[in-house]
Each structure stands twice: as C-alpha cells, then as structure tokens.
Amino acid sequence: MNEKILARLPKASHATRFWWIRHARVPEVAHRMYGSLDVDSDTSDVPLFTGVAAKLPHDALWVTSPLKRTKQTAQALIDNGAKAADIIEDADIVEQNFGDYNGLTHEALFALRDDAYLGFWPLPPEEQAPNGESFSMLRHRVESFVDRMTAAHRGKDIVCVAHRGTILAALQMALDLPLRNSVSFDVGNVSLTRLTHHGDVPEGGPQWRVGDVSWLP
C-alpha cells in the first residue's frame, strides 16, 4: 500500500480504544430490579475472569462506576492476570436509575407494566422511571463520559467496568441506532465489548469501529 493511501487511513495515535466489561453476576438479587442499587457480585468463576483478563491491554486506564459490583469485578480481573495503569471511578457510567422500580421483583414489574419492551428493558427508552431516569438520560451521561475520555486520552486504551445499560448506550452511540433498537443487544456478565473511536476520520465518515460485542472466552 503506497504512502498516499496510508496517509488517508485512521491512525492509532488518534484512536481511543474502549474495552467495556459488564460486571459479574449478582445472584442474591437476580430475580429483582437492582439497577442503581449497590449490590455485591459473585467473582468466584476463576476460568471466566482469567479468560477475559488475558484479552485486555496492559497499561490501560481503568474506570469503574461507583457501585461496588463493578469495583469487585475489576479487582477480580486484576487478581486473575489483568494489568491496570490506574483505576478511577466515574458516576456517568453507573447503571440507569430505575427509581421506584428498584428492588421490585420481575413479577411485580410485569404486573405494573404492559408494553412492548418487557423482556428487553424494564421500560421504553424515552420513558423516565418514576423518581428515576430514562434510558435516554443514561445515554446522555455515557456520551458525556465518552466525550471526556476521547478528549483526554486520545491514542490510549480505557477499560470500563460498568453495566448492561451503560454498554447498550455506548453501542447506541457507536452505531447511531434509533433509541427503540438500543436495548436489543445481549450483554453477558463479565463479557467484553470493544469500541474504538477514531478522531481523525474525515467529516461524513464513521468515527467508531466495533470489535467484539459481548465476547466471552
């Protein structure tokens, strides 16, 4: 490939690589809406954590949400071979706040609601939970986080240990999906989703490259 063609291609030095990981399972409240509640995760599956840790970059900035299940998951990955240059918390990547629905059993939620999104997400993306948030509000939080990270860490790797809703919002942004389709992805616990933001793509071209979605070893 000649130099003129190479000069037109996106460069690694202008790319910000996001390694999104969903937190580990939360068996104690698996039958309930736990959303933004601060609950413990189960990090006992050593082969799972070892397999995901082996895929992660070294010397990356790590970011968790303030909820302990993401911090527990990050620590389990590090205990099983992952390397972190630094670890910080960021409230913008916390799970959607389901307000009055937090703590409800799934049966109780289904008794309250009858809409087309049940089975995909607790409520339509534009609808705000009573005393909580909408998915659209979560998406704006995640956009703020991504914008800050791409501005401050261009050319770097960022491992983000977060939540299904957060990762769905990141995928919606990367693919410019209609909000109604934004909750269509399955995102497994401790799974890896890789999204790369290219800061040097000419106007009109795609700025995001999607690698893995919900990858598990």
C-alpha atoms as a PDB file:
ATOM      1  CA  MET A   1       0.000   0.000   0.000  1.00  0.00           C
ATOM      2  CA  ASN A   2       1.531   3.327  -1.010  1.00  0.00           C
ATOM      3  CA  GLU A   3       2.174   6.244   1.341  1.00  0.00           C
ATOM      4  CA  LYS A   4      -0.625   8.414  -0.042  1.00  0.00           C
ATOM      5  CA  ILE A   5      -3.209   5.743   0.735  1.00  0.00           C
ATOM      6  CA  LEU A   6      -1.735   5.043   4.169  1.00  0.00           C
ATOM      7  CA  ALA A   7      -1.851   8.764   4.989  1.00  0.00           C
ATOM      8  CA  ARG A   8      -5.620   8.768   4.468  1.00  0.00           C
ATOM      9  CA  LEU A   9      -6.319   5.874   6.846  1.00  0.00           C
ATOM     10  CA  PRO A  10      -7.236   6.337  10.539  1.00  0.00           C
ATOM     11  CA  LYS A  11      -4.150   6.295  12.772  1.00  0.00           C
ATOM     12  CA  ALA A  12      -3.778   4.544  16.104  1.00  0.00           C
ATOM     13  CA  SER A  13      -2.417   7.743  17.636  1.00  0.00           C
ATOM     14  CA  HIS A  14      -5.820   9.401  17.049  1.00  0.00           C
ATOM     15  CA  ALA A  15      -7.891   6.454  18.289  1.00  0.00           C
ATOM     16  CA  THR A  16      -9.341   5.937  21.749  1.00  0.00           C
ATOM     17  CA  ARG A  17      -9.984   2.264  22.456  1.00  0.00           C
ATOM     18  CA  PHE A  18     -12.790   1.457  24.899  1.00  0.00           C
ATOM     19  CA  TRP A  19     -12.838  -2.016  26.445  1.00  0.00           C
ATOM     20  CA  TRP A  20     -16.296  -2.247  28.041  1.00  0.00           C
ATOM     21  CA  ILE A  21     -16.895  -5.029  30.569  1.00  0.00           C
ATOM     22  CA  ARG A  22     -20.178  -5.753  32.270  1.00  0.00           C
ATOM     23  CA  HIS A  23     -19.986  -6.520  35.996  1.00  0.00           C
ATOM     24  CA  ALA A  24     -20.184 -10.086  37.323  1.00  0.00           C
ATOM     25  CA  ARG A  25     -23.446 -11.818  38.238  1.00  0.00           C
ATOM     26  CA  VAL A  26     -25.451 -10.665  41.264  1.00  0.00           C
ATOM     27  CA  PRO A  27     -27.147 -13.901  42.358  1.00  0.00           C
ATOM     28  CA  GLU A  28     -28.630 -12.543  45.595  1.00  0.00           C
ATOM     29  CA  VAL A  29     -30.901 -10.144  43.714  1.00  0.00           C
ATOM     30  CA  ALA A  30     -31.019 -11.782  40.276  1.00  0.00           C
ATOM     31  CA  HIS A  31     -34.826 -12.028  40.478  1.00  0.00           C
ATOM     32  CA  ARG A  32     -35.199  -8.338  41.310  1.00  0.00           C
ATOM     33  CA  MET A  33     -34.738  -4.995  39.583  1.00  0.00           C
ATOM     34  CA  TYR A  34     -31.410  -3.882  41.007  1.00  0.00           C
ATOM     35  CA  GLY A  35     -30.479  -1.103  38.553  1.00  0.00           C
ATOM     36  CA  SER A  36     -28.639   1.561  40.535  1.00  0.00           C
ATOM     37  CA  LEU A  37     -28.812  -0.337  43.841  1.00  0.00           C
ATOM     38  CA  ASP A  38     -25.387  -1.078  45.355  1.00  0.00           C
ATOM     39  CA  VAL A  39     -25.287  -4.890  45.483  1.00  0.00           C
ATOM     40  CA  ASP A  40     -22.475  -7.451  45.614  1.00  0.00           C
ATOM     41  CA  SER A  41     -21.349  -9.560  42.667  1.00  0.00           C
ATOM     42  CA  ASP A  42     -20.121 -13.150  42.503  1.00  0.00           C
ATOM     43  CA  THR A  43     -16.497 -13.234  41.326  1.00  0.00           C
ATOM     44  CA  SER A  44     -15.812 -16.911  42.032  1.00  0.00           C
ATOM     45  CA  ASP A  45     -15.609 -18.094  38.389  1.00  0.00           C
ATOM     46  CA  VAL A  46     -11.811 -18.077  38.054  1.00  0.00           C
ATOM     47  CA  PRO A  47     -11.628 -19.503  34.479  1.00  0.00           C
ATOM     48  CA  LEU A  48     -14.030 -16.806  33.273  1.00  0.00           C
ATOM     49  CA  PHE A  49     -12.039 -13.983  34.833  1.00  0.00           C
ATOM     50  CA  THR A  50      -8.734 -15.447  33.682  1.00  0.00           C
ATOM     51  CA  GLY A  51     -10.002 -15.733  30.102  1.00  0.00           C
ATOM     52  CA  VAL A  52     -11.286 -12.166  29.950  1.00  0.00           C
ATOM     53  CA  ALA A  53      -8.209 -10.774  31.712  1.00  0.00           C
ATOM     54  CA  ALA A  54      -5.941 -12.357  29.093  1.00  0.00           C
ATOM     55  CA  LYS A  55      -7.727 -10.385  26.355  1.00  0.00           C
ATOM     56  CA  LEU A  56      -7.267  -6.966  27.984  1.00  0.00           C
ATOM     57  CA  PRO A  57      -4.478  -4.487  27.174  1.00  0.00           C
ATOM     58  CA  HIS A  58      -1.679  -3.699  29.611  1.00  0.00           C
ATOM     59  CA  ASP A  59      -1.073  -0.147  30.830  1.00  0.00           C
ATOM     60  CA  ALA A  60      -4.674   0.944  30.248  1.00  0.00           C
ATOM     61  CA  LEU A  61      -6.607   3.407  32.340  1.00  0.00           C
ATOM     62  CA  TRP A  62      -9.362   1.534  34.183  1.00  0.00           C
ATOM     63  CA  VAL A  63     -12.674   3.187  35.031  1.00  0.00           C
ATOM     64  CA  THR A  64     -15.426   1.684  37.175  1.00  0.00           C
ATOM     65  CA  SER A  65     -18.794   3.028  38.194  1.00  0.00           C
ATOM     66  CA  PRO A  66     -19.174   3.939  41.894  1.00  0.00           C
ATOM     67  CA  LEU A  67     -21.181   0.752  42.521  1.00  0.00           C
ATOM     68  CA  LYS A  68     -19.273  -1.999  44.300  1.00  0.00           C
ATOM     69  CA  ARG A  69     -20.182  -4.740  41.837  1.00  0.00           C
ATOM     70  CA  THR A  70     -18.073  -3.023  39.160  1.00  0.00           C
ATOM     71  CA  LYS A  71     -15.174  -2.495  41.558  1.00  0.00           C
ATOM     72  CA  GLN A  72     -15.365  -6.136  42.664  1.00  0.00           C
ATOM     73  CA  THR A  73     -15.341  -7.249  39.029  1.00  0.00           C
ATOM     74  CA  ALA A  74     -12.351  -5.033  38.205  1.00  0.00           C
ATOM     75  CA  GLN A  75     -10.419  -6.392  41.188  1.00  0.00           C
ATOM     76  CA  ALA A  76     -11.212  -9.987  40.223  1.00  0.00           C
ATOM     77  CA  LEU A  77      -9.875  -9.364  36.705  1.00  0.00           C
ATOM     78  CA  ILE A  78      -6.686  -7.869  38.120  1.00  0.00           C
ATOM     79  CA  ASP A  79      -6.345 -10.752  40.589  1.00  0.00           C
ATOM     80  CA  ASN A  80      -6.543 -13.130  37.624  1.00  0.00           C
ATOM     81  CA  GLY A  81      -3.914 -11.552  35.416  1.00  0.00           C
ATOM     82  CA  ALA A  82      -5.126  -8.195  34.086  1.00  0.00           C
ATOM     83  CA  LYS A  83      -2.868  -5.147  34.408  1.00  0.00           C
ATOM     84  CA  ALA A  84      -4.110  -1.641  35.174  1.00  0.00           C
ATOM     85  CA  ALA A  85      -2.032   1.515  34.901  1.00  0.00           C
ATOM     86  CA  ASP A  86      -4.527   3.391  37.077  1.00  0.00           C
ATOM     87  CA  ILE A  87      -8.102   2.911  38.341  1.00  0.00           C
ATOM     88  CA  ILE A  88     -10.657   5.676  38.780  1.00  0.00           C
ATOM     89  CA  GLU A  89     -14.421   5.904  39.359  1.00  0.00           C
ATOM     90  CA  ASP A  90     -16.868   7.864  37.235  1.00  0.00           C
ATOM     91  CA  ALA A  91     -20.531   8.380  38.118  1.00  0.00           C
ATOM     92  CA  ASP A  92     -21.510   8.918  34.473  1.00  0.00           C
ATOM     93  CA  ILE A  93     -21.194   5.186  33.753  1.00  0.00           C
ATOM     94  CA  VAL A  94     -23.409   3.961  36.584  1.00  0.00           C
ATOM     95  CA  GLU A  95     -26.460   1.876  35.636  1.00  0.00           C
ATOM     96  CA  GLN A  96     -29.791   3.524  34.827  1.00  0.00           C
ATOM     97  CA  ASN A  97     -31.650   4.616  37.939  1.00  0.00           C
ATOM     98  CA  PHE A  98     -34.994   2.814  37.801  1.00  0.00           C
ATOM     99  CA  GLY A  99     -36.334   4.875  40.685  1.00  0.00           C
ATOM    100  CA  ASP A 100     -39.402   3.330  42.284  1.00  0.00           C
ATOM    101  CA  TYR A 101     -38.850   0.158  40.262  1.00  0.00           C
ATOM    102  CA  ASN A 102     -35.536  -0.547  42.003  1.00  0.00           C
ATOM    103  CA  GLY A 103     -35.953  -3.551  44.297  1.00  0.00           C
ATOM    104  CA  LEU A 104     -39.139  -4.842  42.647  1.00  0.00           C
ATOM    105  CA  THR A 105     -39.265  -8.487  41.666  1.00  0.00           C
ATOM    106  CA  HIS A 106     -39.623  -9.098  37.961  1.00  0.00           C
ATOM    107  CA  GLU A 107     -43.106 -10.468  38.613  1.00  0.00           C
ATOM    108  CA  ALA A 108     -44.104  -7.238  40.358  1.00  0.00           C
ATOM    109  CA  LEU A 109     -42.743  -5.152  37.485  1.00  0.00           C
ATOM    110  CA  PHE A 110     -44.668  -7.202  34.922  1.00  0.00           C
ATOM    111  CA  ALA A 111     -47.811  -6.742  36.989  1.00  0.00           C
ATOM    112  CA  LEU A 112     -47.351  -2.957  36.763  1.00  0.00           C
ATOM    113  CA  ARG A 113     -46.434  -2.686  33.095  1.00  0.00           C
ATOM    114  CA  ASP A 114     -47.752  -3.908  29.766  1.00  0.00           C
ATOM    115  CA  ASP A 115     -45.586  -2.552  26.962  1.00  0.00           C
ATOM    116  CA  ALA A 116     -43.586  -3.869  24.025  1.00  0.00           C
ATOM    117  CA  TYR A 117     -40.194  -3.559  25.741  1.00  0.00           C
ATOM    118  CA  LEU A 118     -40.765  -6.064  28.543  1.00  0.00           C
ATOM    119  CA  GLY A 119     -38.248  -8.840  28.002  1.00  0.00           C
ATOM    120  CA  PHE A 120     -35.737  -6.367  26.531  1.00  0.00           C
ATOM    121  CA  TRP A 121     -35.637  -3.495  29.044  1.00  0.00           C
ATOM    122  CA  PRO A 122     -37.813  -2.523  32.005  1.00  0.00           C
ATOM    123  CA  LEU A 123     -39.405   0.409  30.156  1.00  0.00           C
ATOM    124  CA  PRO A 124     -39.241   2.197  26.776  1.00  0.00           C
ATOM    125  CA  PRO A 125     -36.001   4.151  26.249  1.00  0.00           C
ATOM    126  CA  GLU A 126     -37.691   7.574  26.229  1.00  0.00           C
ATOM    127  CA  GLU A 127     -39.794   6.925  29.344  1.00  0.00           C
ATOM    128  CA  GLN A 128     -38.477   8.125  32.701  1.00  0.00           C
ATOM    129  CA  ALA A 129     -38.909   5.705  35.582  1.00  0.00           C
ATOM    130  CA  PRO A 130     -40.923   7.119  38.493  1.00  0.00           C
ATOM    131  CA  ASN A 131     -38.420   9.104  40.592  1.00  0.00           C
ATOM    132  CA  GLY A 132     -35.634   7.770  38.368  1.00  0.00           C
ATOM    133  CA  GLU A 133     -34.163   8.068  34.878  1.00  0.00           C
ATOM    134  CA  SER A 134     -34.957   7.147  31.302  1.00  0.00           C
ATOM    135  CA  PHE A 135     -32.541   5.219  29.102  1.00  0.00           C
ATOM    136  CA  SER A 136     -32.228   8.415  27.079  1.00  0.00           C
ATOM    137  CA  MET A 137     -30.937  10.208  30.186  1.00  0.00           C
ATOM    138  CA  LEU A 138     -28.442   7.389  30.768  1.00  0.00           C
ATOM    139  CA  ARG A 139     -27.333   7.695  27.155  1.00  0.00           C
ATOM    140  CA  HIS A 140     -26.561  11.402  27.645  1.00  0.00           C
ATOM    141  CA  ARG A 141     -24.470  10.561  30.724  1.00  0.00           C
ATOM    142  CA  VAL A 142     -22.483   7.985  28.791  1.00  0.00           C
ATOM    143  CA  GLU A 143     -21.993  10.430  25.921  1.00  0.00           C
ATOM    144  CA  SER A 144     -20.541  12.948  28.385  1.00  0.00           C
ATOM    145  CA  PHE A 145     -18.152  10.297  29.712  1.00  0.00           C
ATOM    146  CA  VAL A 146     -17.057   9.204  26.235  1.00  0.00           C
ATOM    147  CA  ASP A 147     -16.505  12.788  25.117  1.00  0.00           C
ATOM    148  CA  ARG A 148     -14.322  13.474  28.152  1.00  0.00           C
ATOM    149  CA  MET A 149     -12.319  10.296  27.688  1.00  0.00           C
ATOM    150  CA  THR A 150     -11.711  10.809  23.969  1.00  0.00           C
ATOM    151  CA  ALA A 151     -10.569  14.374  24.615  1.00  0.00           C
ATOM    152  CA  ALA A 152      -8.212  13.470  27.449  1.00  0.00           C
ATOM    153  CA  HIS A 153      -6.910  10.034  26.382  1.00  0.00           C
ATOM    154  CA  ARG A 154      -6.624  10.023  22.598  1.00  0.00           C
ATOM    155  CA  GLY A 155      -4.413   7.175  21.422  1.00  0.00           C
ATOM    156  CA  LYS A 156      -4.944   5.252  24.671  1.00  0.00           C
ATOM    157  CA  ASP A 157      -6.785   2.171  25.927  1.00  0.00           C
ATOM    158  CA  ILE A 158      -9.547   2.572  28.507  1.00  0.00           C
ATOM    159  CA  VAL A 159     -11.017  -0.436  30.306  1.00  0.00           C
ATOM    160  CA  CYS A 160     -14.515   0.472  31.532  1.00  0.00           C
ATOM    161  CA  VAL A 161     -16.099  -1.905  34.039  1.00  0.00           C
ATOM    162  CA  ALA A 162     -19.741  -0.934  34.053  1.00  0.00           C
ATOM    163  CA  HIS A 163     -23.286  -2.178  33.491  1.00  0.00           C
ATOM    164  CA  ARG A 164     -25.507  -3.543  30.743  1.00  0.00           C
ATOM    165  CA  GLY A 165     -27.355  -0.253  30.338  1.00  0.00           C
ATOM    166  CA  THR A 166     -24.102   1.675  30.093  1.00  0.00           C
ATOM    167  CA  ILE A 167     -22.752  -0.666  27.427  1.00  0.00           C
ATOM    168  CA  LEU A 168     -26.033  -0.549  25.491  1.00  0.00           C
ATOM    169  CA  ALA A 169     -25.764   3.244  25.496  1.00  0.00           C
ATOM    170  CA  ALA A 170     -22.171   3.066  24.217  1.00  0.00           C
ATOM    171  CA  LEU A 171     -23.265   0.729  21.399  1.00  0.00           C
ATOM    172  CA  GLN A 172     -26.178   3.006  20.541  1.00  0.00           C
ATOM    173  CA  MET A 173     -23.771   5.925  20.199  1.00  0.00           C
ATOM    174  CA  ALA A 174     -21.206   3.998  18.168  1.00  0.00           C
ATOM    175  CA  LEU A 175     -23.768   2.647  15.690  1.00  0.00           C
ATOM    176  CA  ASP A 176     -26.084   5.678  15.755  1.00  0.00           C
ATOM    177  CA  LEU A 177     -29.017   3.366  16.416  1.00  0.00           C
ATOM    178  CA  PRO A 178     -32.608   4.510  16.881  1.00  0.00           C
ATOM    179  CA  LEU A 179     -33.349   4.525  20.595  1.00  0.00           C
ATOM    180  CA  ARG A 180     -36.049   1.875  20.094  1.00  0.00           C
ATOM    181  CA  ASN A 181     -33.325  -0.579  18.971  1.00  0.00           C
ATOM    182  CA  SER A 182     -30.735   0.418  21.543  1.00  0.00           C
ATOM    183  CA  VAL A 183     -31.676  -2.292  24.040  1.00  0.00           C
ATOM    184  CA  SER A 184     -31.590  -5.179  21.537  1.00  0.00           C
ATOM    185  CA  PHE A 185     -28.093  -6.462  22.397  1.00  0.00           C
ATOM    186  CA  ASP A 186     -27.450  -9.306  24.803  1.00  0.00           C
ATOM    187  CA  VAL A 187     -24.563  -8.283  27.074  1.00  0.00           C
ATOM    188  CA  GLY A 188     -23.379 -11.133  29.289  1.00  0.00           C
ATOM    189  CA  ASN A 189     -21.875 -10.746  32.729  1.00  0.00           C
ATOM    190  CA  VAL A 190     -18.101 -10.179  32.563  1.00  0.00           C
ATOM    191  CA  SER A 191     -18.368 -10.064  28.763  1.00  0.00           C
ATOM    192  CA  LEU A 192     -16.164  -7.742  26.719  1.00  0.00           C
ATOM    193  CA  THR A 193     -17.370  -5.200  24.155  1.00  0.00           C
ATOM    194  CA  ARG A 194     -14.655  -3.332  22.203  1.00  0.00           C
ATOM    195  CA  LEU A 195     -15.391   0.043  20.636  1.00  0.00           C
ATOM    196  CA  THR A 196     -12.739   2.258  19.052  1.00  0.00           C
ATOM    197  CA  HIS A 197     -13.272   5.965  18.473  1.00  0.00           C
ATOM    198  CA  HIS A 198     -11.284   7.380  15.530  1.00  0.00           C
ATOM    199  CA  GLY A 199     -10.667  11.086  15.981  1.00  0.00           C
ATOM    200  CA  ASP A 200      -9.155  11.649  12.531  1.00  0.00           C
ATOM    201  CA  VAL A 201     -11.883  10.331  10.213  1.00  0.00           C
ATOM    202  CA  PRO A 202     -12.968  12.990   7.667  1.00  0.00           C
ATOM    203  CA  GLU A 203     -16.392  14.548   8.125  1.00  0.00           C
ATOM    204  CA  GLY A 204     -19.142  12.250   6.911  1.00  0.00           C
ATOM    205  CA  GLY A 205     -17.296   9.026   7.669  1.00  0.00           C
ATOM    206  CA  PRO A 206     -17.933   6.657  10.605  1.00  0.00           C
ATOM    207  CA  GLN A 207     -15.991   7.605  13.727  1.00  0.00           C
ATOM    208  CA  TRP A 208     -16.483   4.291  15.508  1.00  0.00           C
ATOM    209  CA  ARG A 209     -15.175   0.812  14.843  1.00  0.00           C
ATOM    210  CA  VAL A 210     -16.979  -2.069  16.591  1.00  0.00           C
ATOM    211  CA  GLY A 211     -14.805  -5.020  17.538  1.00  0.00           C
ATOM    212  CA  ASP A 212     -16.245  -7.568  19.937  1.00  0.00           C
ATOM    213  CA  VAL A 213     -19.762  -7.374  21.331  1.00  0.00           C
ATOM    214  CA  SER A 214     -20.427  -9.393  24.486  1.00  0.00           C
ATOM    215  CA  TRP A 215     -17.312 -11.531  23.922  1.00  0.00           C
ATOM    216  CA  LEU A 216     -16.747 -14.356  26.418  1.00  0.00           C
ATOM    217  CA  PRO A 217     -13.884 -16.891  26.498  1.00  0.00           C
END
